[in-house]
Amino acid sequence: ERTADYRGHQRVLALGDVTVWPATFDHLVFHRTPRLVRQSDPEVLHLS
């Protein structure tokens, strides 16, 4: 609901195959569809 002036900050720590990323950001809706899964799947697990 805030696309006009979006505020987001992210740091990415690369630990080889593992990535740790602290972030702060405005309201957001993430939608990963079956089609996107079929098109690209890095086969990773995510924890927040």
All heavy atoms as atom14 arrays in JSON, in Angstrom:
{
  "sequence": "ERTADYRGHQRVLALGDVTVWPATFDHLVFHRTPRLVRQSDPEVLHLS",
  "atom14_mask": [
    [1, 1, 1, 1, 1, 1, 1, 1, 1, 0, 0, 0, 0, 0],
    [1, 1, 1, 1, 1, 1, 1, 1, 1, 1, 1, 0, 0, 0],
    [1, 1, 1, 1, 1, 1, 1, 0, 0, 0, 0, 0, 0, 0],
    [1, 1, 1, 1, 1, 0, 0, 0, 0, 0, 0, 0, 0, 0],
    [1, 1, 1, 1, 1, 1, 1, 1, 0, 0, 0, 0, 0, 0],
    [1, 1, 1, 1, 1, 1, 1, 1, 1, 1, 1, 1, 0, 0],
    [1, 1, 1, 1, 1, 1, 1, 1, 1, 1, 1, 0, 0, 0],
    [1, 1, 1, 1, 0, 0, 0, 0, 0, 0, 0, 0, 0, 0],
    [1, 1, 1, 1, 1, 1, 1, 1, 1, 1, 0, 0, 0, 0],
    [1, 1, 1, 1, 1, 1, 1, 1, 1, 0, 0, 0, 0, 0],
    [1, 1, 1, 1, 1, 1, 1, 1, 1, 1, 1, 0, 0, 0],
    [1, 1, 1, 1, 1, 1, 1, 0, 0, 0, 0, 0, 0, 0],
    [1, 1, 1, 1, 1, 1, 1, 1, 0, 0, 0, 0, 0, 0],
    [1, 1, 1, 1, 1, 0, 0, 0, 0, 0, 0, 0, 0, 0],
    [1, 1, 1, 1, 1, 1, 1, 1, 0, 0, 0, 0, 0, 0],
    [1, 1, 1, 1, 0, 0, 0, 0, 0, 0, 0, 0, 0, 0],
    [1, 1, 1, 1, 1, 1, 1, 1, 0, 0, 0, 0, 0, 0],
    [1, 1, 1, 1, 1, 1, 1, 0, 0, 0, 0, 0, 0, 0],
    [1, 1, 1, 1, 1, 1, 1, 0, 0, 0, 0, 0, 0, 0],
    [1, 1, 1, 1, 1, 1, 1, 0, 0, 0, 0, 0, 0, 0],
    [1, 1, 1, 1, 1, 1, 1, 1, 1, 1, 1, 1, 1, 1],
    [1, 1, 1, 1, 1, 1, 1, 0, 0, 0, 0, 0, 0, 0],
    [1, 1, 1, 1, 1, 0, 0, 0, 0, 0, 0, 0, 0, 0],
    [1, 1, 1, 1, 1, 1, 1, 0, 0, 0, 0, 0, 0, 0],
    [1, 1, 1, 1, 1, 1, 1, 1, 1, 1, 1, 0, 0, 0],
    [1, 1, 1, 1, 1, 1, 1, 1, 0, 0, 0, 0, 0, 0],
    [1, 1, 1, 1, 1, 1, 1, 1, 1, 1, 0, 0, 0, 0],
    [1, 1, 1, 1, 1, 1, 1, 1, 0, 0, 0, 0, 0, 0],
    [1, 1, 1, 1, 1, 1, 1, 0, 0, 0, 0, 0, 0, 0],
    [1, 1, 1, 1, 1, 1, 1, 1, 1, 1, 1, 0, 0, 0],
    [1, 1, 1, 1, 1, 1, 1, 1, 1, 1, 0, 0, 0, 0],
    [1, 1, 1, 1, 1, 1, 1, 1, 1, 1, 1, 0, 0, 0],
    [1, 1, 1, 1, 1, 1, 1, 0, 0, 0, 0, 0, 0, 0],
    [1, 1, 1, 1, 1, 1, 1, 0, 0, 0, 0, 0, 0, 0],
    [1, 1, 1, 1, 1, 1, 1, 1, 1, 1, 1, 0, 0, 0],
    [1, 1, 1, 1, 1, 1, 1, 1, 0, 0, 0, 0, 0, 0],
    [1, 1, 1, 1, 1, 1, 1, 0, 0, 0, 0, 0, 0, 0],
    [1, 1, 1, 1, 1, 1, 1, 1, 1, 1, 1, 0, 0, 0],
    [1, 1, 1, 1, 1, 1, 1, 1, 1, 0, 0, 0, 0, 0],
    [1, 1, 1, 1, 1, 1, 0, 0, 0, 0, 0, 0, 0, 0],
    [1, 1, 1, 1, 1, 1, 1, 1, 0, 0, 0, 0, 0, 0],
    [1, 1, 1, 1, 1, 1, 1, 0, 0, 0, 0, 0, 0, 0],
    [1, 1, 1, 1, 1, 1, 1, 1, 1, 0, 0, 0, 0, 0],
    [1, 1, 1, 1, 1, 1, 1, 0, 0, 0, 0, 0, 0, 0],
    [1, 1, 1, 1, 1, 1, 1, 1, 0, 0, 0, 0, 0, 0],
    [1, 1, 1, 1, 1, 1, 1, 1, 1, 1, 0, 0, 0, 0],
    [1, 1, 1, 1, 1, 1, 1, 1, 0, 0, 0, 0, 0, 0],
    [1, 1, 1, 1, 1, 1, 0, 0, 0, 0, 0, 0, 0, 0]
  ],
  "atom14_positions": [
    [[0.83, -1.21, 0.0], [0.0, 0.0, 0.0], [0.86, 1.26, 0.0], [0.34, 2.37, 0.03], [-0.92, -0.01, 1.23], [-0.2, -0.14, 2.54], [-1.1, -0.44, 3.72], [-2.14, -1.11, 3.52], [-0.77, 0.01, 4.84], [0.0, 0.0, 0.0], [0.0, 0.0, 0.0], [0.0, 0.0, 0.0], [0.0, 0.0, 0.0], [0.0, 0.0, 0.0]],
    [[2.19, 1.08, -0.06], [3.1, 2.24, 0.0], [4.1, 2.22, -1.15], [5.26, 2.59, -0.97], [3.83, 2.25, 1.33], [2.88, 2.43, 2.5], [3.56, 2.48, 3.83], [2.57, 2.62, 4.89], [2.78, 2.28, 6.15], [3.94, 1.77, 6.5], [1.85, 2.45, 7.05], [0.0, 0.0, 0.0], [0.0, 0.0, 0.0], [0.0, 0.0, 0.0]],
    [[3.67, 1.79, -2.31], [4.59, 1.67, -3.44], [5.09, 3.03, -3.94], [6.15, 3.12, -4.56], [3.92, 0.95, -4.62], [2.72, 1.64, -4.96], [3.57, -0.49, -4.24], [0.0, 0.0, 0.0], [0.0, 0.0, 0.0], [0.0, 0.0, 0.0], [0.0, 0.0, 0.0], [0.0, 0.0, 0.0], [0.0, 0.0, 0.0], [0.0, 0.0, 0.0]],
    [[4.37, 4.1, -3.65], [4.75, 5.41, -4.18], [6.06, 5.92, -3.59], [6.82, 6.64, -4.24], [3.64, 6.43, -3.92], [0.0, 0.0, 0.0], [0.0, 0.0, 0.0], [0.0, 0.0, 0.0], [0.0, 0.0, 0.0], [0.0, 0.0, 0.0], [0.0, 0.0, 0.0], [0.0, 0.0, 0.0], [0.0, 0.0, 0.0], [0.0, 0.0, 0.0]],
    [[6.34, 5.54, -2.36], [7.58, 5.99, -1.7], [8.01, 4.92, -0.72], [7.93, 5.07, 0.49], [7.32, 7.33, -0.99], [8.58, 7.88, -0.34], [9.68, 7.44, -0.69], [8.45, 8.77, 0.53], [0.0, 0.0, 0.0], [0.0, 0.0, 0.0], [0.0, 0.0, 0.0], [0.0, 0.0, 0.0], [0.0, 0.0, 0.0], [0.0, 0.0, 0.0]],
    [[8.48, 3.8, -1.26], [8.71, 2.62, -0.43], [10.01, 2.75, 0.37], [11.05, 3.18, -0.16], [8.75, 1.36, -1.29], [8.58, 0.11, -0.46], [7.32, -0.29, -0.03], [9.69, -0.64, -0.07], [7.16, -1.41, 0.76], [9.53, -1.77, 0.72], [8.27, -2.15, 1.14], [8.1, -3.26, 1.92], [0.0, 0.0, 0.0], [0.0, 0.0, 0.0]],
    [[9.94, 2.32, 1.63], [11.12, 2.34, 2.52], [11.51, 0.91, 2.88], [10.71, 0.18, 3.45], [10.81, 3.13, 3.8], [10.31, 4.55, 3.57], [11.32, 5.41, 2.86], [10.8, 6.74, 2.56], [10.97, 7.8, 3.35], [11.59, 7.67, 4.51], [10.48, 8.97, 2.99], [0.0, 0.0, 0.0], [0.0, 0.0, 0.0], [0.0, 0.0, 0.0]],
    [[12.71, 0.54, 2.51], [13.22, -0.78, 2.84], [14.73, -0.75, 2.99], [15.42, -0.05, 2.23], [0.0, 0.0, 0.0], [0.0, 0.0, 0.0], [0.0, 0.0, 0.0], [0.0, 0.0, 0.0], [0.0, 0.0, 0.0], [0.0, 0.0, 0.0], [0.0, 0.0, 0.0], [0.0, 0.0, 0.0], [0.0, 0.0, 0.0], [0.0, 0.0, 0.0]],
    [[15.24, -1.47, 3.95], [16.69, -1.54, 4.18], [17.07, -2.99, 4.44], [16.44, -3.67, 5.26], [17.1, -0.67, 5.37], [18.58, -0.66, 5.63], [19.22, -1.63, 6.38], [19.56, 0.19, 5.22], [20.51, -1.36, 6.43], [20.74, -0.26, 5.73], [0.0, 0.0, 0.0], [0.0, 0.0, 0.0], [0.0, 0.0, 0.0], [0.0, 0.0, 0.0]],
    [[18.09, -3.47, 3.77], [18.51, -4.87, 3.9], [20.03, -4.97, 3.9], [20.71, -4.3, 3.12], [17.95, -5.7, 2.75], [18.31, -7.19, 2.82], [18.18, -7.89, 1.48], [18.71, -7.42, 0.47], [17.46, -9.01, 1.46], [0.0, 0.0, 0.0], [0.0, 0.0, 0.0], [0.0, 0.0, 0.0], [0.0, 0.0, 0.0], [0.0, 0.0, 0.0]],
    [[20.54, -5.82, 4.8], [21.95, -6.22, 4.76], [21.99, -7.7, 4.44], [21.16, -8.47, 4.94], [22.63, -5.99, 6.11], [22.8, -4.53, 6.48], [23.17, -4.38, 7.95], [24.29, -5.23, 8.33], [24.37, -5.89, 9.49], [23.38, -5.81, 10.37], [25.42, -6.63, 9.77], [0.0, 0.0, 0.0], [0.0, 0.0, 0.0], [0.0, 0.0, 0.0]],
    [[22.93, -8.11, 3.64], [23.08, -9.52, 3.29], [24.47, -9.99, 3.69], [25.48, -9.45, 3.24], [22.87, -9.75, 1.78], [23.16, -11.2, 1.43], [21.45, -9.39, 1.37], [0.0, 0.0, 0.0], [0.0, 0.0, 0.0], [0.0, 0.0, 0.0], [0.0, 0.0, 0.0], [0.0, 0.0, 0.0], [0.0, 0.0, 0.0], [0.0, 0.0, 0.0]],
    [[24.51, -10.99, 4.58], [25.76, -11.61, 5.0], [25.89, -12.93, 4.25], [25.06, -13.83, 4.42], [25.78, -11.86, 6.51], [25.46, -10.65, 7.41], [25.5, -11.08, 8.87], [26.44, -9.53, 7.15], [0.0, 0.0, 0.0], [0.0, 0.0, 0.0], [0.0, 0.0, 0.0], [0.0, 0.0, 0.0], [0.0, 0.0, 0.0], [0.0, 0.0, 0.0]],
    [[26.92, -13.06, 3.45], [27.11, -14.27, 2.65], [28.02, -15.24, 3.4], [29.2, -14.96, 3.6], [27.74, -13.91, 1.3], [0.0, 0.0, 0.0], [0.0, 0.0, 0.0], [0.0, 0.0, 0.0], [0.0, 0.0, 0.0], [0.0, 0.0, 0.0], [0.0, 0.0, 0.0], [0.0, 0.0, 0.0], [0.0, 0.0, 0.0], [0.0, 0.0, 0.0]],
    [[27.45, -16.36, 3.82], [28.2, -17.39, 4.54], [28.26, -18.64, 3.67], [27.74, -19.7, 4.02], [27.52, -17.71, 5.88], [27.18, -16.52, 6.79], [26.47, -17.0, 8.03], [28.43, -15.73, 7.13], [0.0, 0.0, 0.0], [0.0, 0.0, 0.0], [0.0, 0.0, 0.0], [0.0, 0.0, 0.0], [0.0, 0.0, 0.0], [0.0, 0.0, 0.0]],
    [[28.87, -18.54, 2.53], [28.9, -19.67, 1.61], [27.52, -19.91, 1.05], [26.89, -19.02, 0.49], [0.0, 0.0, 0.0], [0.0, 0.0, 0.0], [0.0, 0.0, 0.0], [0.0, 0.0, 0.0], [0.0, 0.0, 0.0], [0.0, 0.0, 0.0], [0.0, 0.0, 0.0], [0.0, 0.0, 0.0], [0.0, 0.0, 0.0], [0.0, 0.0, 0.0]],
    [[27.01, -21.15, 1.21], [25.68, -21.49, 0.71], [24.56, -20.94, 1.58], [23.39, -20.94, 1.18], [25.53, -23.02, 0.61], [26.39, -23.62, -0.48], [26.72, -22.88, -1.43], [26.73, -24.81, -0.38], [0.0, 0.0, 0.0], [0.0, 0.0, 0.0], [0.0, 0.0, 0.0], [0.0, 0.0, 0.0], [0.0, 0.0, 0.0], [0.0, 0.0, 0.0]],
    [[24.9, -20.47, 2.78], [23.91, -19.93, 3.71], [23.96, -18.4, 3.64], [25.04, -17.81, 3.61], [24.17, -20.4, 5.15], [23.2, -19.76, 6.13], [24.09, -21.92, 5.23], [0.0, 0.0, 0.0], [0.0, 0.0, 0.0], [0.0, 0.0, 0.0], [0.0, 0.0, 0.0], [0.0, 0.0, 0.0], [0.0, 0.0, 0.0], [0.0, 0.0, 0.0]],
    [[22.79, -17.79, 3.61], [22.7, -16.33, 3.59], [21.86, -15.87, 4.78], [20.79, -16.41, 5.04], [22.04, -15.83, 2.29], [22.8, -16.29, 1.17], [21.99, -14.31, 2.25], [0.0, 0.0, 0.0], [0.0, 0.0, 0.0], [0.0, 0.0, 0.0], [0.0, 0.0, 0.0], [0.0, 0.0, 0.0], [0.0, 0.0, 0.0], [0.0, 0.0, 0.0]],
    [[22.37, -14.87, 5.49], [21.64, -14.27, 6.61], [21.39, -12.81, 6.24], [22.31, -12.09, 5.86], [22.44, -14.37, 7.92], [21.7, -13.67, 9.06], [22.7, -15.84, 8.28], [0.0, 0.0, 0.0], [0.0, 0.0, 0.0], [0.0, 0.0, 0.0], [0.0, 0.0, 0.0], [0.0, 0.0, 0.0], [0.0, 0.0, 0.0], [0.0, 0.0, 0.0]],
    [[20.14, -12.38, 6.34], [19.84, -11.01, 5.91], [18.86, -10.3, 6.84], [17.68, -10.49, 6.78], [19.36, -10.97, 4.46], [18.21, -11.85, 4.08], [18.25, -13.16, 3.78], [16.84, -11.45, 3.91], [17.01, -13.62, 3.44], [16.12, -12.6, 3.5], [16.14, -10.23, 4.03], [14.75, -12.57, 3.24], [14.78, -10.21, 3.78], [14.11, -11.37, 3.38]],
    [[19.36, -9.43, 7.7], [18.48, -8.57, 8.49], [17.88, -7.5, 7.6], [18.54, -6.96, 6.7], [19.42, -7.98, 9.53], [20.77, -8.03, 8.89], [20.78, -9.24, 8.02], [0.0, 0.0, 0.0], [0.0, 0.0, 0.0], [0.0, 0.0, 0.0], [0.0, 0.0, 0.0], [0.0, 0.0, 0.0], [0.0, 0.0, 0.0], [0.0, 0.0, 0.0]],
    [[16.61, -7.18, 7.82], [15.93, -6.19, 6.99], [14.81, -5.51, 7.77], [14.22, -6.1, 8.67], [15.36, -6.85, 5.73], [0.0, 0.0, 0.0], [0.0, 0.0, 0.0], [0.0, 0.0, 0.0], [0.0, 0.0, 0.0], [0.0, 0.0, 0.0], [0.0, 0.0, 0.0], [0.0, 0.0, 0.0], [0.0, 0.0, 0.0], [0.0, 0.0, 0.0]],
    [[14.55, -4.27, 7.39], [13.41, -3.51, 7.9], [12.7, -2.91, 6.7], [13.35, -2.32, 5.83], [13.88, -2.39, 8.85], [14.54, -2.96, 9.98], [12.69, -1.57, 9.34], [0.0, 0.0, 0.0], [0.0, 0.0, 0.0], [0.0, 0.0, 0.0], [0.0, 0.0, 0.0], [0.0, 0.0, 0.0], [0.0, 0.0, 0.0], [0.0, 0.0, 0.0]],
    [[11.37, -3.07, 6.63], [10.67, -2.59, 5.44], [9.2, -2.3, 5.74], [8.64, -2.76, 6.73], [10.78, -3.61, 4.3], [10.46, -5.03, 4.68], [9.16, -5.53, 4.57], [11.46, -5.88, 5.14], [8.87, -6.85, 4.91], [11.18, -7.2, 5.48], [9.88, -7.68, 5.38], [0.0, 0.0, 0.0], [0.0, 0.0, 0.0], [0.0, 0.0, 0.0]],
    [[8.62, -1.5, 4.84], [7.22, -1.12, 4.95], [6.3, -2.31, 4.65], [6.76, -3.38, 4.25], [6.91, 0.01, 3.96], [7.44, 1.36, 4.43], [7.68, 1.51, 5.64], [7.62, 2.25, 3.57], [0.0, 0.0, 0.0], [0.0, 0.0, 0.0], [0.0, 0.0, 0.0], [0.0, 0.0, 0.0], [0.0, 0.0, 0.0], [0.0, 0.0, 0.0]],
    [[4.99, -2.05, 4.81], [3.98, -3.06, 4.52], [4.27, -3.76, 3.2], [4.64, -3.13, 2.2], [2.61, -2.4, 4.45], [1.55, -3.3, 3.86], [1.18, -3.22, 2.51], [0.82, -4.3, 4.4], [0.25, -4.12, 2.28], [0.0, -4.79, 3.39], [0.0, 0.0, 0.0], [0.0, 0.0, 0.0], [0.0, 0.0, 0.0], [0.0, 0.0, 0.0]],
    [[4.1, -5.09, 3.19], [4.42, -5.86, 2.0], [3.59, -7.14, 1.97], [3.32, -7.75, 3.01], [5.91, -6.23, 2.01], [6.56, -6.63, 0.68], [6.42, -5.53, -0.35], [8.02, -6.96, 0.9], [0.0, 0.0, 0.0], [0.0, 0.0, 0.0], [0.0, 0.0, 0.0], [0.0, 0.0, 0.0], [0.0, 0.0, 0.0], [0.0, 0.0, 0.0]],
    [[3.19, -7.53, 0.77], [2.53, -8.81, 0.54], [3.39, -9.6, -0.44], [3.66, -9.13, -1.56], [1.11, -8.65, -0.02], [0.49, -10.02, -0.3], [0.24, -7.87, 0.95], [0.0, 0.0, 0.0], [0.0, 0.0, 0.0], [0.0, 0.0, 0.0], [0.0, 0.0, 0.0], [0.0, 0.0, 0.0], [0.0, 0.0, 0.0], [0.0, 0.0, 0.0]],
    [[3.87, -10.78, 0.0], [4.67, -11.66, -0.84], [3.74, -12.72, -1.43], [2.98, -13.35, -0.69], [5.74, -12.4, -0.02], [6.64, -11.52, 0.81], [6.2, -10.99, 2.01], [7.95, -11.28, 0.41], [7.03, -10.21, 2.8], [8.78, -10.5, 1.2], [8.33, -9.97, 2.38], [0.0, 0.0, 0.0], [0.0, 0.0, 0.0], [0.0, 0.0, 0.0]],
    [[3.84, -12.97, -2.72], [2.99, -13.98, -3.34], [3.85, -14.79, -4.31], [4.3, -14.28, -5.33], [1.84, -13.32, -4.08], [0.79, -14.29, -4.51], [-0.15, -14.02, -5.49], [0.51, -15.57, -4.1], [-0.94, -15.06, -5.66], [-0.55, -16.0, -4.82], [0.0, 0.0, 0.0], [0.0, 0.0, 0.0], [0.0, 0.0, 0.0], [0.0, 0.0, 0.0]],
    [[4.1, -16.04, -3.93], [4.85, -16.95, -4.81], [3.86, -17.97, -5.36], [3.32, -18.8, -4.62], [5.99, -17.63, -4.05], [6.87, -18.52, -4.93], [8.26, -18.67, -4.35], [9.0, -19.76, -4.97], [9.61, -19.69, -6.15], [9.56, -18.57, -6.86], [10.27, -20.73, -6.63], [0.0, 0.0, 0.0], [0.0, 0.0, 0.0], [0.0, 0.0, 0.0]],
    [[3.64, -17.9, -6.64], [2.61, -18.7, -7.29], [3.17, -20.04, -7.75], [4.39, -20.22, -7.9], [2.06, -17.96, -8.51], [3.12, -17.83, -9.49], [1.56, -16.57, -8.13], [0.0, 0.0, 0.0], [0.0, 0.0, 0.0], [0.0, 0.0, 0.0], [0.0, 0.0, 0.0], [0.0, 0.0, 0.0], [0.0, 0.0, 0.0], [0.0, 0.0, 0.0]],
    [[2.29, -21.02, -8.01], [2.75, -22.29, -8.58], [3.54, -22.1, -9.88], [4.51, -22.82, -10.13], [1.46, -23.06, -8.81], [0.5, -22.5, -7.79], [0.85, -21.05, -7.71], [0.0, 0.0, 0.0], [0.0, 0.0, 0.0], [0.0, 0.0, 0.0], [0.0, 0.0, 0.0], [0.0, 0.0, 0.0], [0.0, 0.0, 0.0], [0.0, 0.0, 0.0]],
    [[3.13, -21.14, -10.68], [3.84, -20.89, -11.93], [5.28, -20.43, -11.68], [6.21, -20.88, -12.35], [3.08, -19.85, -12.76], [3.73, -19.57, -14.12], [2.89, -18.58, -14.91], [3.5, -18.31, -16.2], [3.0, -17.49, -17.11], [1.84, -16.85, -16.86], [3.63, -17.29, -18.26], [0.0, 0.0, 0.0], [0.0, 0.0, 0.0], [0.0, 0.0, 0.0]],
    [[5.46, -19.52, -10.7], [6.81, -19.06, -10.37], [7.66, -20.2, -9.81], [8.86, -20.26, -10.07], [6.74, -17.91, -9.36], [6.24, -16.57, -9.9], [6.1, -15.56, -8.77], [7.2, -16.05, -10.97], [0.0, 0.0, 0.0], [0.0, 0.0, 0.0], [0.0, 0.0, 0.0], [0.0, 0.0, 0.0], [0.0, 0.0, 0.0], [0.0, 0.0, 0.0]],
    [[7.04, -21.08, -9.03], [7.77, -22.24, -8.51], [8.27, -23.11, -9.66], [9.42, -23.57, -9.66], [6.88, -23.06, -7.54], [7.59, -24.36, -7.15], [6.54, -22.24, -6.3], [0.0, 0.0, 0.0], [0.0, 0.0, 0.0], [0.0, 0.0, 0.0], [0.0, 0.0, 0.0], [0.0, 0.0, 0.0], [0.0, 0.0, 0.0], [0.0, 0.0, 0.0]],
    [[7.4, -23.34, -10.65], [7.8, -24.17, -11.8], [8.89, -23.48, -12.62], [9.8, -24.14, -13.12], [6.58, -24.46, -12.68], [5.55, -25.4, -12.06], [4.54, -25.87, -13.09], [3.81, -24.76, -13.69], [2.66, -24.29, -13.21], [2.12, -24.84, -12.12], [2.04, -23.3, -13.82], [0.0, 0.0, 0.0], [0.0, 0.0, 0.0], [0.0, 0.0, 0.0]],
    [[8.81, -22.17, -12.72], [9.78, -21.45, -13.54], [11.15, -21.37, -12.9], [12.18, -21.44, -13.59], [9.26, -20.04, -13.82], [8.08, -19.98, -14.78], [7.59, -18.56, -14.97], [7.91, -17.65, -14.2], [6.78, -18.35, -16.01], [0.0, 0.0, 0.0], [0.0, 0.0, 0.0], [0.0, 0.0, 0.0], [0.0, 0.0, 0.0], [0.0, 0.0, 0.0]],
    [[11.2, -21.21, -11.59], [12.48, -21.02, -10.91], [12.37, -21.48, -9.47], [11.59, -20.91, -8.69], [12.9, -19.54, -10.94], [14.07, -19.33, -10.21], [0.0, 0.0, 0.0], [0.0, 0.0, 0.0], [0.0, 0.0, 0.0], [0.0, 0.0, 0.0], [0.0, 0.0, 0.0], [0.0, 0.0, 0.0], [0.0, 0.0, 0.0], [0.0, 0.0, 0.0]],
    [[13.12, -22.51, -9.12], [13.12, -23.01, -7.74], [14.55, -23.28, -7.29], [15.16, -24.28, -7.66], [12.29, -24.29, -7.62], [12.22, -24.79, -6.18], [12.67, -24.06, -5.28], [11.71, -25.91, -5.96], [0.0, 0.0, 0.0], [0.0, 0.0, 0.0], [0.0, 0.0, 0.0], [0.0, 0.0, 0.0], [0.0, 0.0, 0.0], [0.0, 0.0, 0.0]],
    [[15.12, -22.38, -6.5], [16.48, -22.6, -5.98], [16.56, -23.68, -4.91], [17.64, -24.02, -4.43], [16.86, -21.24, -5.4], [15.55, -20.6, -5.06], [14.57, -21.08, -6.08], [0.0, 0.0, 0.0], [0.0, 0.0, 0.0], [0.0, 0.0, 0.0], [0.0, 0.0, 0.0], [0.0, 0.0, 0.0], [0.0, 0.0, 0.0], [0.0, 0.0, 0.0]],
    [[15.4, -24.22, -4.51], [15.31, -25.29, -3.51], [15.99, -24.89, -2.2], [16.85, -25.59, -1.67], [15.9, -26.59, -4.05], [15.14, -27.12, -5.26], [15.61, -28.5, -5.7], [16.59, -29.0, -5.12], [14.98, -29.07, -6.61], [0.0, 0.0, 0.0], [0.0, 0.0, 0.0], [0.0, 0.0, 0.0], [0.0, 0.0, 0.0], [0.0, 0.0, 0.0]],
    [[15.56, -23.75, -1.7], [16.06, -23.27, -0.42], [14.92, -23.19, 0.59], [13.75, -23.03, 0.23], [16.72, -21.87, -0.54], [17.96, -21.94, -1.42], [15.73, -20.84, -1.05], [0.0, 0.0, 0.0], [0.0, 0.0, 0.0], [0.0, 0.0, 0.0], [0.0, 0.0, 0.0], [0.0, 0.0, 0.0], [0.0, 0.0, 0.0], [0.0, 0.0, 0.0]],
    [[15.3, -23.34, 1.84], [14.37, -23.12, 2.94], [14.63, -21.72, 3.49], [15.78, -21.26, 3.54], [14.55, -24.17, 4.02], [14.1, -25.57, 3.62], [14.72, -26.6, 4.52], [12.58, -25.68, 3.66], [0.0, 0.0, 0.0], [0.0, 0.0, 0.0], [0.0, 0.0, 0.0], [0.0, 0.0, 0.0], [0.0, 0.0, 0.0], [0.0, 0.0, 0.0]],
    [[13.56, -21.07, 3.88], [13.69, -19.72, 4.41], [13.13, -19.67, 5.82], [12.07, -20.22, 6.11], [12.92, -18.73, 3.53], [12.8, -17.37, 4.16], [13.8, -16.43, 4.06], [11.83, -16.82, 4.93], [13.45, -15.35, 4.73], [12.25, -15.56, 5.27], [0.0, 0.0, 0.0], [0.0, 0.0, 0.0], [0.0, 0.0, 0.0], [0.0, 0.0, 0.0]],
    [[13.86, -19.0, 6.71], [13.38, -18.71, 8.05], [13.45, -17.21, 8.26], [14.43, -16.56, 7.88], [14.23, -19.4, 9.13], [14.23, -20.92, 9.19], [15.29, -21.5, 8.28], [14.47, -21.39, 10.64], [0.0, 0.0, 0.0], [0.0, 0.0, 0.0], [0.0, 0.0, 0.0], [0.0, 0.0, 0.0], [0.0, 0.0, 0.0], [0.0, 0.0, 0.0]],
    [[12.41, -16.66, 8.86], [12.4, -15.25, 9.25], [12.15, -15.16, 10.74], [11.13, -15.65, 11.22], [11.31, -14.47, 8.51], [11.64, -14.26, 7.17], [0.0, 0.0, 0.0], [0.0, 0.0, 0.0], [0.0, 0.0, 0.0], [0.0, 0.0, 0.0], [0.0, 0.0, 0.0], [0.0, 0.0, 0.0], [0.0, 0.0, 0.0], [0.0, 0.0, 0.0]]
  ]
}
